Amino acid sequence: MTDMYYGGIEGGATHSKLIICNQNGDIIATGSGPSTNHWMVGIPECAKRIAKMVEAGKSEGKIPQNVKLKTLGLSLSGCEQEASNKAIEKELLDNYPEVSEKYVVCSDTMGSVVTASPKGGLVLIAGTGSNALLSNPDGKIYSCGGWGNFLADEASAWWISHKAVKTVFDHVDGLNVSPYPIDTVWELIKLHFSVSTRADLLEYCYAKFQKSMFAGLCLRLSYSANDGDQLSQHLFREAGIQLAKATLALIPKVCPTLVKAGDLNIVCVGSVWKSWNLLKEGFLAEIGKGDFNFGLTLLRLNQSMALGAVYLGVDANNYNMPRDYAKNYEVFHCYHNKTVNNNNSNHD
């Protein structure tokens, strides 16, 4: 039997990841690359970067370059519109015919869901940007957010960083007084952007604006929050509230068959979730305001959602590939409200 290969790419606003599997579901190659968000780099450049990643992955997996992948699932940031998804597929088929026979192009949220379960679930992405998506067993999909930093991105690293800068500016202006001292956060801003005054920061907000660079301030804020800075802690608490609000916005659309076992699986993706200890208070306080009769299980993926993108391509073309979903994630928090079971308590 001739070996067959299936690929998947997790594409973010900052970087991308590749996985190639054989027909047995074994991962034989992995790789990484830059952003594949077509809104940021354009469709031709997006396709070029995808083709380059697959070329490198084939070399690592000792797959001849003239052997096409059977399918390539592309779970990419910014791919929420069918027209642009088709345009990316066409660009690859027309200009990089050696890459893959078939494609499935969808948003980065879909890859996250199917990495953990074939039945669907809810995904909350909080990385450089943010997004929330619910996939029901009946095939219906609902989203909340995902509109980019100009219109949304609540609870993302960009949002936390921007909120830190805005809090400092507003406090110094006397427009809105910060609930906590700004000194530590202002020092972190100056250090991150290599500036000494607020006016120096303007070029990084406008002429030299780079979303990923701006979002990088969030990591410094997480360190200061863990060290006890109250304003930094407040920013992450607010982010937790926003993540809970996105969850509550989608819960009314949950199909009953998705939670017939009792819990809704929520796949939590992105670097901001590494600070769950800082998000937790705000998240639980806000989610407690909801009225729903099932539990929530928060999952952290052990595998890149590029593996979910592989599954998407495989399933869309009715190929059979063995897989063990339980190996792809770990549970880090379970929430049960009083309407589910008065005897259950929330636990990590």
C-alpha atoms as a PDB file:
ATOM      1  CA  MET A   1       0.000   0.000   0.000  1.00  0.00           C
ATOM      2  CA  THR A   2       1.307   3.429  -0.948  1.00  0.00           C
ATOM      3  CA  ASP A   3       1.892   5.702   2.023  1.00  0.00           C
ATOM      4  CA  MET A   4      -0.500   8.633   2.293  1.00  0.00           C
ATOM      5  CA  TYR A   5       0.131  11.859   4.147  1.00  0.00           C
ATOM      6  CA  TYR A   6      -2.199  14.412   5.680  1.00  0.00           C
ATOM      7  CA  GLY A   7      -1.244  17.883   6.848  1.00  0.00           C
ATOM      8  CA  GLY A   8      -2.650  20.557   9.088  1.00  0.00           C
ATOM      9  CA  ILE A   9      -1.615  24.125   9.873  1.00  0.00           C
ATOM     10  CA  GLU A  10      -2.491  26.214  12.912  1.00  0.00           C
ATOM     11  CA  GLY A  11      -2.183  29.791  11.708  1.00  0.00           C
ATOM     12  CA  GLY A  12      -2.029  32.688  14.121  1.00  0.00           C
ATOM     13  CA  ALA A  13      -1.487  36.424  13.994  1.00  0.00           C
ATOM     14  CA  THR A  14       2.083  35.984  15.243  1.00  0.00           C
ATOM     15  CA  HIS A  15       3.250  32.502  14.229  1.00  0.00           C
ATOM     16  CA  SER A  16       2.019  29.266  12.645  1.00  0.00           C
ATOM     17  CA  LYS A  17       2.525  25.542  13.271  1.00  0.00           C
ATOM     18  CA  LEU A  18       2.482  22.549  10.935  1.00  0.00           C
ATOM     19  CA  ILE A  19       1.810  18.848  11.551  1.00  0.00           C
ATOM     20  CA  ILE A  20       2.001  16.059   8.967  1.00  0.00           C
ATOM     21  CA  CYS A  21       0.570  12.613   9.767  1.00  0.00           C
ATOM     22  CA  ASN A  22       0.621   9.307   7.945  1.00  0.00           C
ATOM     23  CA  GLN A  23      -2.479   7.203   7.342  1.00  0.00           C
ATOM     24  CA  ASN A  24      -2.062   5.549  10.767  1.00  0.00           C
ATOM     25  CA  GLY A  25      -2.385   8.891  12.549  1.00  0.00           C
ATOM     26  CA  ASP A  26       1.305   9.007  13.509  1.00  0.00           C
ATOM     27  CA  ILE A  27       2.877  12.467  13.514  1.00  0.00           C
ATOM     28  CA  ILE A  28       5.881  12.219  11.212  1.00  0.00           C
ATOM     29  CA  ALA A  29       6.777  15.881  10.837  1.00  0.00           C
ATOM     30  CA  THR A  30       6.221  19.186  12.600  1.00  0.00           C
ATOM     31  CA  GLY A  31       7.241  22.707  11.734  1.00  0.00           C
ATOM     32  CA  SER A  32       6.671  26.376  12.398  1.00  0.00           C
ATOM     33  CA  GLY A  33       6.479  29.591  10.460  1.00  0.00           C
ATOM     34  CA  PRO A  34       5.401  33.235  10.615  1.00  0.00           C
ATOM     35  CA  SER A  35       1.879  34.652  10.651  1.00  0.00           C
ATOM     36  CA  THR A  36      -0.569  33.234   8.108  1.00  0.00           C
ATOM     37  CA  ASN A  37      -3.362  35.697   8.839  1.00  0.00           C
ATOM     38  CA  HIS A  38      -4.324  36.876   5.337  1.00  0.00           C
ATOM     39  CA  TRP A  39      -5.707  40.170   6.666  1.00  0.00           C
ATOM     40  CA  MET A  40      -2.217  41.016   7.881  1.00  0.00           C
ATOM     41  CA  VAL A  41      -0.013  39.638   5.087  1.00  0.00           C
ATOM     42  CA  GLY A  42      -2.327  39.287   2.074  1.00  0.00           C
ATOM     43  CA  ILE A  43      -3.545  36.103   0.391  1.00  0.00           C
ATOM     44  CA  PRO A  44      -0.560  35.617  -1.987  1.00  0.00           C
ATOM     45  CA  GLU A  45       1.938  35.908   0.878  1.00  0.00           C
ATOM     46  CA  CYS A  46      -0.225  33.709   3.088  1.00  0.00           C
ATOM     47  CA  ALA A  47      -0.215  30.938   0.453  1.00  0.00           C
ATOM     48  CA  LYS A  48       3.522  31.342  -0.080  1.00  0.00           C
ATOM     49  CA  ARG A  49       4.203  30.894   3.640  1.00  0.00           C
ATOM     50  CA  ILE A  50       1.942  27.830   3.788  1.00  0.00           C
ATOM     51  CA  ALA A  51       3.727  26.233   0.831  1.00  0.00           C
ATOM     52  CA  LYS A  52       7.133  26.930   2.393  1.00  0.00           C
ATOM     53  CA  MET A  53       6.086  25.325   5.689  1.00  0.00           C
ATOM     54  CA  VAL A  54       4.814  22.192   3.911  1.00  0.00           C
ATOM     55  CA  GLU A  55       8.021  21.987   1.863  1.00  0.00           C
ATOM     56  CA  ALA A  56      10.090  22.059   5.067  1.00  0.00           C
ATOM     57  CA  GLY A  57       7.744  19.532   6.704  1.00  0.00           C
ATOM     58  CA  LYS A  58       8.103  17.112   3.789  1.00  0.00           C
ATOM     59  CA  SER A  59      11.876  17.343   4.074  1.00  0.00           C
ATOM     60  CA  GLU A  60      11.735  16.575   7.797  1.00  0.00           C
ATOM     61  CA  GLY A  61       9.357  13.648   7.233  1.00  0.00           C
ATOM     62  CA  LYS A  62      11.469  12.346   4.317  1.00  0.00           C
ATOM     63  CA  ILE A  63       8.537  12.755   1.959  1.00  0.00           C
ATOM     64  CA  PRO A  64       9.536  13.467  -1.667  1.00  0.00           C
ATOM     65  CA  GLN A  65       8.569  16.990  -2.657  1.00  0.00           C
ATOM     66  CA  ASN A  66       6.624  15.696  -5.680  1.00  0.00           C
ATOM     67  CA  VAL A  67       4.365  13.608  -3.405  1.00  0.00           C
ATOM     68  CA  LYS A  68       1.299  15.667  -2.630  1.00  0.00           C
ATOM     69  CA  LEU A  69      -0.421  15.582   0.723  1.00  0.00           C
ATOM     70  CA  LYS A  70      -3.830  13.934   0.368  1.00  0.00           C
ATOM     71  CA  THR A  71      -5.381  16.790   2.311  1.00  0.00           C
ATOM     72  CA  LEU A  72      -4.169  19.939   4.038  1.00  0.00           C
ATOM     73  CA  GLY A  73      -6.385  21.417   6.726  1.00  0.00           C
ATOM     74  CA  LEU A  74      -5.809  25.124   7.261  1.00  0.00           C
ATOM     75  CA  SER A  75      -7.145  26.430  10.567  1.00  0.00           C
ATOM     76  CA  LEU A  76      -6.074  30.040  10.260  1.00  0.00           C
ATOM     77  CA  SER A  77      -6.585  33.262  12.150  1.00  0.00           C
ATOM     78  CA  GLY A  78      -8.749  35.611  10.076  1.00  0.00           C
ATOM     79  CA  CYS A  79     -10.456  32.866   8.034  1.00  0.00           C
ATOM     80  CA  GLU A  80     -14.059  33.531   9.031  1.00  0.00           C
ATOM     81  CA  GLN A  81     -15.341  34.330   5.525  1.00  0.00           C
ATOM     82  CA  GLU A  82     -16.051  31.693   2.887  1.00  0.00           C
ATOM     83  CA  ALA A  83     -15.036  33.948  -0.020  1.00  0.00           C
ATOM     84  CA  SER A  84     -11.531  34.627   1.288  1.00  0.00           C
ATOM     85  CA  ASN A  85     -11.156  30.971   2.350  1.00  0.00           C
ATOM     86  CA  LYS A  86     -11.888  29.910  -1.231  1.00  0.00           C
ATOM     87  CA  ALA A  87      -9.419  32.505  -2.485  1.00  0.00           C
ATOM     88  CA  ILE A  88      -6.643  31.025  -0.315  1.00  0.00           C
ATOM     89  CA  GLU A  89      -7.453  27.529  -1.593  1.00  0.00           C
ATOM     90  CA  LYS A  90      -7.395  28.723  -5.211  1.00  0.00           C
ATOM     91  CA  GLU A  91      -4.083  30.542  -4.705  1.00  0.00           C
ATOM     92  CA  LEU A  92      -2.511  27.336  -3.406  1.00  0.00           C
ATOM     93  CA  LEU A  93      -3.953  25.088  -6.133  1.00  0.00           C
ATOM     94  CA  ASP A  94      -2.976  27.487  -8.918  1.00  0.00           C
ATOM     95  CA  ASN A  95       0.506  28.494  -7.782  1.00  0.00           C
ATOM     96  CA  TYR A  96       1.671  25.656  -5.522  1.00  0.00           C
ATOM     97  CA  PRO A  97       0.195  22.505  -7.119  1.00  0.00           C
ATOM     98  CA  GLU A  98       2.759  20.210  -5.463  1.00  0.00           C
ATOM     99  CA  VAL A  99       1.571  20.960  -1.927  1.00  0.00           C
ATOM    100  CA  SER A 100      -1.708  19.049  -1.546  1.00  0.00           C
ATOM    101  CA  GLU A 101      -4.503  17.417  -3.506  1.00  0.00           C
ATOM    102  CA  LYS A 102      -7.287  18.925  -1.436  1.00  0.00           C
ATOM    103  CA  TYR A 103      -7.788  21.669   1.139  1.00  0.00           C
ATOM    104  CA  VAL A 104     -10.104  22.581   3.979  1.00  0.00           C
ATOM    105  CA  VAL A 105      -9.819  26.229   5.064  1.00  0.00           C
ATOM    106  CA  CYS A 106     -11.481  27.507   8.231  1.00  0.00           C
ATOM    107  CA  SER A 107     -10.918  29.746  11.244  1.00  0.00           C
ATOM    108  CA  ASP A 108      -8.363  28.951  13.943  1.00  0.00           C
ATOM    109  CA  THR A 109     -11.174  28.292  16.409  1.00  0.00           C
ATOM    110  CA  MET A 110     -12.447  25.255  14.493  1.00  0.00           C
ATOM    111  CA  GLY A 111      -9.090  23.490  14.665  1.00  0.00           C
ATOM    112  CA  SER A 112      -9.063  23.887  18.424  1.00  0.00           C
ATOM    113  CA  VAL A 113     -12.497  22.294  18.881  1.00  0.00           C
ATOM    114  CA  VAL A 114     -11.827  19.201  16.785  1.00  0.00           C
ATOM    115  CA  THR A 115      -8.425  18.592  18.375  1.00  0.00           C
ATOM    116  CA  ALA A 116     -10.272  17.743  21.594  1.00  0.00           C
ATOM    117  CA  SER A 117     -13.481  16.123  20.369  1.00  0.00           C
ATOM    118  CA  PRO A 118     -15.258  15.017  17.183  1.00  0.00           C
ATOM    119  CA  LYS A 119     -18.624  16.029  18.675  1.00  0.00           C
ATOM    120  CA  GLY A 120     -17.992  19.749  19.005  1.00  0.00           C
ATOM    121  CA  GLY A 121     -17.678  22.112  21.935  1.00  0.00           C
ATOM    122  CA  LEU A 122     -16.737  25.664  22.754  1.00  0.00           C
ATOM    123  CA  VAL A 123     -13.330  27.210  22.206  1.00  0.00           C
ATOM    124  CA  LEU A 124     -11.993  30.376  23.824  1.00  0.00           C
ATOM    125  CA  ILE A 125      -8.873  31.759  22.174  1.00  0.00           C
ATOM    126  CA  ALA A 126      -6.903  34.342  24.140  1.00  0.00           C
ATOM    127  CA  GLY A 127      -3.517  34.815  22.530  1.00  0.00           C
ATOM    128  CA  THR A 128      -2.285  37.866  20.641  1.00  0.00           C
ATOM    129  CA  GLY A 129      -5.948  38.305  19.691  1.00  0.00           C
ATOM    130  CA  SER A 130      -9.104  36.614  20.944  1.00  0.00           C
ATOM    131  CA  ASN A 131     -12.095  34.746  19.620  1.00  0.00           C
ATOM    132  CA  ALA A 132     -14.848  32.415  20.820  1.00  0.00           C
ATOM    133  CA  LEU A 133     -16.668  29.765  18.827  1.00  0.00           C
ATOM    134  CA  LEU A 134     -19.296  27.131  19.545  1.00  0.00           C
ATOM    135  CA  SER A 135     -19.557  24.050  17.328  1.00  0.00           C
ATOM    136  CA  ASN A 136     -22.686  21.938  17.839  1.00  0.00           C
ATOM    137  CA  PRO A 137     -23.153  18.265  16.859  1.00  0.00           C
ATOM    138  CA  ASP A 138     -25.861  19.308  14.365  1.00  0.00           C
ATOM    139  CA  GLY A 139     -23.218  21.235  12.406  1.00  0.00           C
ATOM    140  CA  LYS A 140     -24.372  24.694  13.459  1.00  0.00           C
ATOM    141  CA  ILE A 141     -21.607  27.105  14.425  1.00  0.00           C
ATOM    142  CA  TYR A 142     -21.852  30.322  16.426  1.00  0.00           C
ATOM    143  CA  SER A 143     -19.154  32.839  17.266  1.00  0.00           C
ATOM    144  CA  CYS A 144     -18.519  35.751  19.571  1.00  0.00           C
ATOM    145  CA  GLY A 145     -15.716  38.219  18.928  1.00  0.00           C
ATOM    146  CA  GLY A 146     -12.923  37.573  16.470  1.00  0.00           C
ATOM    147  CA  TRP A 147     -13.214  41.025  14.914  1.00  0.00           C
ATOM    148  CA  GLY A 148      -9.611  42.095  15.476  1.00  0.00           C
ATOM    149  CA  ASN A 149      -8.090  44.660  17.807  1.00  0.00           C
ATOM    150  CA  PHE A 150      -9.962  47.631  16.331  1.00  0.00           C
ATOM    151  CA  LEU A 151     -13.394  46.170  17.125  1.00  0.00           C
ATOM    152  CA  ALA A 152     -12.863  43.372  19.626  1.00  0.00           C
ATOM    153  CA  ASP A 153     -10.037  41.130  20.962  1.00  0.00           C
ATOM    154  CA  GLU A 154     -11.265  41.362  24.560  1.00  0.00           C
ATOM    155  CA  ALA A 155      -9.090  39.423  27.055  1.00  0.00           C
ATOM    156  CA  SER A 156      -6.290  38.954  24.530  1.00  0.00           C
ATOM    157  CA  ALA A 157      -2.665  39.852  25.182  1.00  0.00           C
ATOM    158  CA  TRP A 158      -3.220  42.887  22.936  1.00  0.00           C
ATOM    159  CA  TRP A 159      -6.298  43.932  24.939  1.00  0.00           C
ATOM    160  CA  ILE A 160      -4.567  43.567  28.318  1.00  0.00           C
ATOM    161  CA  SER A 161      -1.547  45.521  27.060  1.00  0.00           C
ATOM    162  CA  HIS A 162      -3.681  48.258  25.540  1.00  0.00           C
ATOM    163  CA  LYS A 163      -5.776  48.505  28.698  1.00  0.00           C
ATOM    164  CA  ALA A 164      -2.584  48.919  30.744  1.00  0.00           C
ATOM    165  CA  VAL A 165      -1.377  51.779  28.530  1.00  0.00           C
ATOM    166  CA  LYS A 166      -4.802  53.430  28.452  1.00  0.00           C
ATOM    167  CA  THR A 167      -5.126  53.196  32.238  1.00  0.00           C
ATOM    168  CA  VAL A 168      -1.808  54.993  32.698  1.00  0.00           C
ATOM    169  CA  PHE A 169      -2.612  57.688  30.119  1.00  0.00           C
ATOM    170  CA  ASP A 170      -6.081  58.332  31.547  1.00  0.00           C
ATOM    171  CA  HIS A 171      -4.787  58.454  35.115  1.00  0.00           C
ATOM    172  CA  VAL A 172      -2.055  60.976  34.309  1.00  0.00           C
ATOM    173  CA  ASP A 173      -4.528  63.057  32.283  1.00  0.00           C
ATOM    174  CA  GLY A 174      -6.964  63.027  35.197  1.00  0.00           C
ATOM    175  CA  LEU A 175      -9.663  61.605  32.920  1.00  0.00           C
ATOM    176  CA  ASN A 176     -10.163  58.341  34.830  1.00  0.00           C
ATOM    177  CA  VAL A 177      -8.349  57.665  38.086  1.00  0.00           C
ATOM    178  CA  SER A 178      -6.746  54.226  38.208  1.00  0.00           C
ATOM    179  CA  PRO A 179      -8.166  51.953  40.934  1.00  0.00           C
ATOM    180  CA  TYR A 180      -4.587  51.050  41.903  1.00  0.00           C
ATOM    181  CA  PRO A 181      -1.147  52.744  41.761  1.00  0.00           C
ATOM    182  CA  ILE A 182       0.224  52.962  38.207  1.00  0.00           C
ATOM    183  CA  ASP A 183       3.953  53.216  39.017  1.00  0.00           C
ATOM    184  CA  THR A 184       4.919  49.590  38.333  1.00  0.00           C
ATOM    185  CA  VAL A 185       2.865  49.290  35.164  1.00  0.00           C
ATOM    186  CA  TRP A 186       4.219  52.597  33.823  1.00  0.00           C
ATOM    187  CA  GLU A 187       7.786  51.391  34.417  1.00  0.00           C
ATOM    188  CA  LEU A 188       7.007  48.156  32.550  1.00  0.00           C
ATOM    189  CA  ILE A 189       5.560  50.127  29.620  1.00  0.00           C
ATOM    190  CA  LYS A 190       8.658  52.303  29.406  1.00  0.00           C
ATOM    191  CA  LEU A 191      10.892  49.241  29.571  1.00  0.00           C
ATOM    192  CA  HIS A 192       8.968  47.268  26.953  1.00  0.00           C
ATOM    193  CA  PHE A 193       8.783  50.061  24.387  1.00  0.00           C
ATOM    194  CA  SER A 194      12.146  51.669  25.286  1.00  0.00           C
ATOM    195  CA  VAL A 195      10.527  55.061  25.908  1.00  0.00           C
ATOM    196  CA  SER A 196      10.758  57.644  28.660  1.00  0.00           C
ATOM    197  CA  THR A 197       7.617  59.758  28.099  1.00  0.00           C
ATOM    198  CA  ARG A 198       4.044  59.191  27.009  1.00  0.00           C
ATOM    199  CA  ALA A 199       4.700  61.173  23.840  1.00  0.00           C
ATOM    200  CA  ASP A 200       7.515  58.755  22.931  1.00  0.00           C
ATOM    201  CA  LEU A 201       4.986  55.928  22.942  1.00  0.00           C
ATOM    202  CA  LEU A 202       2.786  57.434  20.220  1.00  0.00           C
ATOM    203  CA  GLU A 203       4.838  56.134  17.297  1.00  0.00           C
ATOM    204  CA  TYR A 204       4.305  52.554  18.564  1.00  0.00           C
ATOM    205  CA  CYS A 205       0.572  53.228  18.652  1.00  0.00           C
ATOM    206  CA  TYR A 206       0.419  54.642  15.143  1.00  0.00           C
ATOM    207  CA  ALA A 207       3.319  54.866  12.638  1.00  0.00           C
ATOM    208  CA  LYS A 208       5.216  51.854  14.032  1.00  0.00           C
ATOM    209  CA  PHE A 209       2.248  49.910  15.361  1.00  0.00           C
ATOM    210  CA  GLN A 210       2.703  46.134  15.388  1.00  0.00           C
ATOM    211  CA  LYS A 211       0.009  44.177  17.150  1.00  0.00           C
ATOM    212  CA  SER A 212       2.255  41.310  18.254  1.00  0.00           C
ATOM    213  CA  MET A 213       4.930  43.669  19.579  1.00  0.00           C
ATOM    214  CA  PHE A 214       2.336  45.688  21.494  1.00  0.00           C
ATOM    215  CA  ALA A 215       0.817  42.486  22.874  1.00  0.00           C
ATOM    216  CA  GLY A 216       4.233  41.415  24.146  1.00  0.00           C
ATOM    217  CA  LEU A 217       3.801  43.795  27.070  1.00  0.00           C
ATOM    218  CA  CYS A 218       1.271  41.316  28.487  1.00  0.00           C
ATOM    219  CA  LEU A 219       3.985  38.860  29.499  1.00  0.00           C
ATOM    220  CA  ARG A 220       5.720  41.506  31.606  1.00  0.00           C
ATOM    221  CA  LEU A 221       2.371  42.371  33.182  1.00  0.00           C
ATOM    222  CA  SER A 222       1.792  38.730  34.110  1.00  0.00           C
ATOM    223  CA  TYR A 223       5.126  38.633  35.927  1.00  0.00           C
ATOM    224  CA  SER A 224       4.317  41.815  37.842  1.00  0.00           C
ATOM    225  CA  ALA A 225       0.843  40.487  38.691  1.00  0.00           C
ATOM    226  CA  ASN A 226       2.349  37.319  40.120  1.00  0.00           C
ATOM    227  CA  ASP A 227       4.787  39.500  42.068  1.00  0.00           C
ATOM    228  CA  GLY A 228       1.846  41.273  43.694  1.00  0.00           C
ATOM    229  CA  ASP A 229       1.311  44.474  41.684  1.00  0.00           C
ATOM    230  CA  GLN A 230      -2.354  45.331  42.193  1.00  0.00           C
ATOM    231  CA  LEU A 231      -2.974  47.109  38.897  1.00  0.00           C
ATOM    232  CA  SER A 232      -1.484  44.219  36.914  1.00  0.00           C
ATOM    233  CA  GLN A 233      -3.660  41.792  38.874  1.00  0.00           C
ATOM    234  CA  HIS A 234      -6.696  43.978  38.180  1.00  0.00           C
ATOM    235  CA  LEU A 235      -6.036  43.867  34.411  1.00  0.00           C
ATOM    236  CA  PHE A 236      -6.000  40.066  34.368  1.00  0.00           C
ATOM    237  CA  ARG A 237      -9.067  39.908  36.583  1.00  0.00           C
ATOM    238  CA  GLU A 238     -10.863  42.086  34.022  1.00  0.00           C
ATOM    239  CA  ALA A 239      -9.672  39.776  31.247  1.00  0.00           C
ATOM    240  CA  GLY A 240     -11.168  36.821  33.122  1.00  0.00           C
ATOM    241  CA  ILE A 241     -14.501  38.643  33.233  1.00  0.00           C
ATOM    242  CA  GLN A 242     -14.396  39.172  29.466  1.00  0.00           C
ATOM    243  CA  LEU A 243     -13.680  35.488  28.818  1.00  0.00           C
ATOM    244  CA  ALA A 244     -16.662  34.538  30.967  1.00  0.00           C
ATOM    245  CA  LYS A 245     -18.874  37.026  29.112  1.00  0.00           C
ATOM    246  CA  ALA A 246     -17.927  35.448  25.775  1.00  0.00           C
ATOM    247  CA  THR A 247     -18.813  32.057  27.236  1.00  0.00           C
ATOM    248  CA  LEU A 248     -22.170  33.279  28.508  1.00  0.00           C
ATOM    249  CA  ALA A 249     -22.928  34.847  25.120  1.00  0.00           C
ATOM    250  CA  LEU A 250     -22.672  31.429  23.453  1.00  0.00           C
ATOM    251  CA  ILE A 251     -24.192  29.192  26.148  1.00  0.00           C
ATOM    252  CA  PRO A 252     -27.822  29.880  25.070  1.00  0.00           C
ATOM    253  CA  LYS A 253     -26.926  28.445  21.644  1.00  0.00           C
ATOM    254  CA  VAL A 254     -25.572  25.141  23.017  1.00  0.00           C
ATOM    255  CA  CYS A 255     -27.377  22.157  21.487  1.00  0.00           C
ATOM    256  CA  PRO A 256     -28.777  19.813  24.205  1.00  0.00           C
ATOM    257  CA  THR A 257     -27.063  16.786  22.655  1.00  0.00           C
ATOM    258  CA  LEU A 258     -23.684  18.477  23.157  1.00  0.00           C
ATOM    259  CA  VAL A 259     -24.129  18.445  26.934  1.00  0.00           C
ATOM    260  CA  LYS A 260     -26.128  15.263  27.383  1.00  0.00           C
ATOM    261  CA  ALA A 261     -23.217  13.809  29.386  1.00  0.00           C
ATOM    262  CA  GLY A 262     -23.494  16.748  31.779  1.00  0.00           C
ATOM    263  CA  ASP A 263     -20.634  19.107  30.925  1.00  0.00           C
ATOM    264  CA  LEU A 264     -19.754  21.539  28.159  1.00  0.00           C
ATOM    265  CA  ASN A 265     -16.126  21.173  27.113  1.00  0.00           C
ATOM    266  CA  ILE A 266     -14.367  24.522  26.693  1.00  0.00           C
ATOM    267  CA  VAL A 267     -11.040  24.356  24.885  1.00  0.00           C
ATOM    268  CA  CYS A 268      -8.841  27.201  26.152  1.00  0.00           C
ATOM    269  CA  VAL A 269      -6.188  28.244  23.651  1.00  0.00           C
ATOM    270  CA  GLY A 270      -3.533  30.956  23.714  1.00  0.00           C
ATOM    271  CA  SER A 271      -0.760  32.286  25.905  1.00  0.00           C
ATOM    272  CA  VAL A 272      -3.066  34.353  28.133  1.00  0.00           C
ATOM    273  CA  TRP A 273      -4.509  31.109  29.534  1.00  0.00           C
ATOM    274  CA  LYS A 274      -1.097  30.354  31.048  1.00  0.00           C
ATOM    275  CA  SER A 275      -2.131  32.949  33.629  1.00  0.00           C
ATOM    276  CA  TRP A 276      -5.280  31.103  34.729  1.00  0.00           C
ATOM    277  CA  ASN A 277      -4.351  31.823  38.344  1.00  0.00           C
ATOM    278  CA  LEU A 278      -4.752  35.530  37.523  1.00  0.00           C
ATOM    279  CA  LEU A 279      -7.865  35.123  35.330  1.00  0.00           C
ATOM    280  CA  LYS A 280      -9.695  32.724  37.613  1.00  0.00           C
ATOM    281  CA  GLU A 281     -11.253  35.174  40.097  1.00  0.00           C
ATOM    282  CA  GLY A 282     -12.831  37.361  37.436  1.00  0.00           C
ATOM    283  CA  PHE A 283     -13.912  34.420  35.282  1.00  0.00           C
ATOM    284  CA  LEU A 284     -15.672  32.559  38.110  1.00  0.00           C
ATOM    285  CA  ALA A 285     -17.346  35.697  39.459  1.00  0.00           C
ATOM    286  CA  GLU A 286     -18.821  36.509  36.048  1.00  0.00           C
ATOM    287  CA  ILE A 287     -19.716  32.952  35.010  1.00  0.00           C
ATOM    288  CA  GLY A 288     -21.593  32.596  38.297  1.00  0.00           C
ATOM    289  CA  LYS A 289     -24.098  35.152  37.008  1.00  0.00           C
ATOM    290  CA  GLY A 290     -25.176  32.755  34.256  1.00  0.00           C
ATOM    291  CA  ASP A 291     -28.287  30.607  34.270  1.00  0.00           C
ATOM    292  CA  PHE A 292     -27.572  27.186  32.743  1.00  0.00           C
ATOM    293  CA  ASN A 293     -28.068  23.615  33.888  1.00  0.00           C
ATOM    294  CA  PHE A 294     -24.811  21.917  32.917  1.00  0.00           C
ATOM    295  CA  GLY A 295     -21.216  22.010  34.057  1.00  0.00           C
ATOM    296  CA  LEU A 296     -18.194  23.516  32.332  1.00  0.00           C
ATOM    297  CA  THR A 297     -14.943  21.618  31.828  1.00  0.00           C
ATOM    298  CA  LEU A 298     -11.988  23.798  30.893  1.00  0.00           C
ATOM    299  CA  LEU A 299      -9.426  21.961  28.762  1.00  0.00           C
ATOM    300  CA  ARG A 300      -5.853  22.780  27.796  1.00  0.00           C
ATOM    301  CA  LEU A 301      -4.549  21.183  24.589  1.00  0.00           C
ATOM    302  CA  ASN A 302      -1.448  18.993  24.776  1.00  0.00           C
ATOM    303  CA  GLN A 303      -1.165  19.087  21.005  1.00  0.00           C
ATOM    304  CA  SER A 304      -1.108  21.963  18.566  1.00  0.00           C
ATOM    305  CA  MET A 305      -4.491  22.622  17.017  1.00  0.00           C
ATOM    306  CA  ALA A 306      -2.661  21.893  13.759  1.00  0.00           C
ATOM    307  CA  LEU A 307      -3.567  18.295  14.619  1.00  0.00           C
ATOM    308  CA  GLY A 308      -7.227  19.320  14.649  1.00  0.00           C
ATOM    309  CA  ALA A 309      -6.660  20.884  11.235  1.00  0.00           C
ATOM    310  CA  VAL A 310      -5.358  17.488  10.064  1.00  0.00           C
ATOM    311  CA  TYR A 311      -8.567  15.879  11.342  1.00  0.00           C
ATOM    312  CA  LEU A 312     -10.693  18.478   9.546  1.00  0.00           C
ATOM    313  CA  GLY A 313      -9.065  17.709   6.219  1.00  0.00           C
ATOM    314  CA  VAL A 314      -9.309  13.962   6.766  1.00  0.00           C
ATOM    315  CA  ASP A 315     -12.967  14.005   7.808  1.00  0.00           C
ATOM    316  CA  ALA A 316     -14.085  16.405   5.066  1.00  0.00           C
ATOM    317  CA  ASN A 317     -12.803  13.939   2.486  1.00  0.00           C
ATOM    318  CA  ASN A 318     -14.073  10.794   4.219  1.00  0.00           C
ATOM    319  CA  TYR A 319     -10.673   9.297   4.907  1.00  0.00           C
ATOM    320  CA  ASN A 320     -10.223   6.978   7.858  1.00  0.00           C
ATOM    321  CA  MET A 321      -7.500   7.850  10.368  1.00  0.00           C
ATOM    322  CA  PRO A 322      -7.096   6.364  13.869  1.00  0.00           C
ATOM    323  CA  ARG A 323      -6.975   8.931  16.663  1.00  0.00           C
ATOM    324  CA  ASP A 324      -7.085   9.092  20.465  1.00  0.00           C
ATOM    325  CA  TYR A 325      -8.655  12.392  21.510  1.00  0.00           C
ATOM    326  CA  ALA A 326      -7.986  11.846  25.224  1.00  0.00           C
ATOM    327  CA  LYS A 327      -4.254  12.198  24.590  1.00  0.00           C
ATOM    328  CA  ASN A 328      -4.707  15.626  23.037  1.00  0.00           C
ATOM    329  CA  TYR A 329      -5.815  17.566  26.128  1.00  0.00           C
ATOM    330  CA  GLU A 330      -5.830  17.854  29.915  1.00  0.00           C
ATOM    331  CA  VAL A 331      -8.524  19.245  32.215  1.00  0.00           C
ATOM    332  CA  PHE A 332      -7.430  22.187  34.375  1.00  0.00           C
ATOM    333  CA  HIS A 333     -10.737  23.351  35.885  1.00  0.00           C
ATOM    334  CA  CYS A 334     -14.290  22.078  36.356  1.00  0.00           C
ATOM    335  CA  TYR A 335     -17.177  24.394  37.149  1.00  0.00           C
ATOM    336  CA  HIS A 336     -20.501  23.155  38.521  1.00  0.00           C
ATOM    337  CA  ASN A 337     -23.081  25.706  39.559  1.00  0.00           C
ATOM    338  CA  LYS A 338     -25.805  25.005  42.085  1.00  0.00           C
ATOM    339  CA  THR A 339     -28.335  24.174  39.377  1.00  0.00           C
ATOM    340  CA  VAL A 340     -26.194  21.221  38.278  1.00  0.00           C
ATOM    341  CA  ASN A 341     -25.447  19.571  41.587  1.00  0.00           C
ATOM    342  CA  ASN A 342     -25.593  21.091  45.022  1.00  0.00           C
ATOM    343  CA  ASN A 343     -23.152  18.471  46.234  1.00  0.00           C
ATOM    344  CA  ASN A 344     -20.450  19.322  43.700  1.00  0.00           C
ATOM    345  CA  SER A 345     -17.926  22.065  44.364  1.00  0.00           C
ATOM    346  CA  ASN A 346     -15.803  23.992  41.885  1.00  0.00           C
ATOM    347  CA  HIS A 347     -12.346  22.517  41.757  1.00  0.00           C
ATOM    348  CA  ASP A 348      -9.096  22.744  39.862  1.00  0.00           C
END
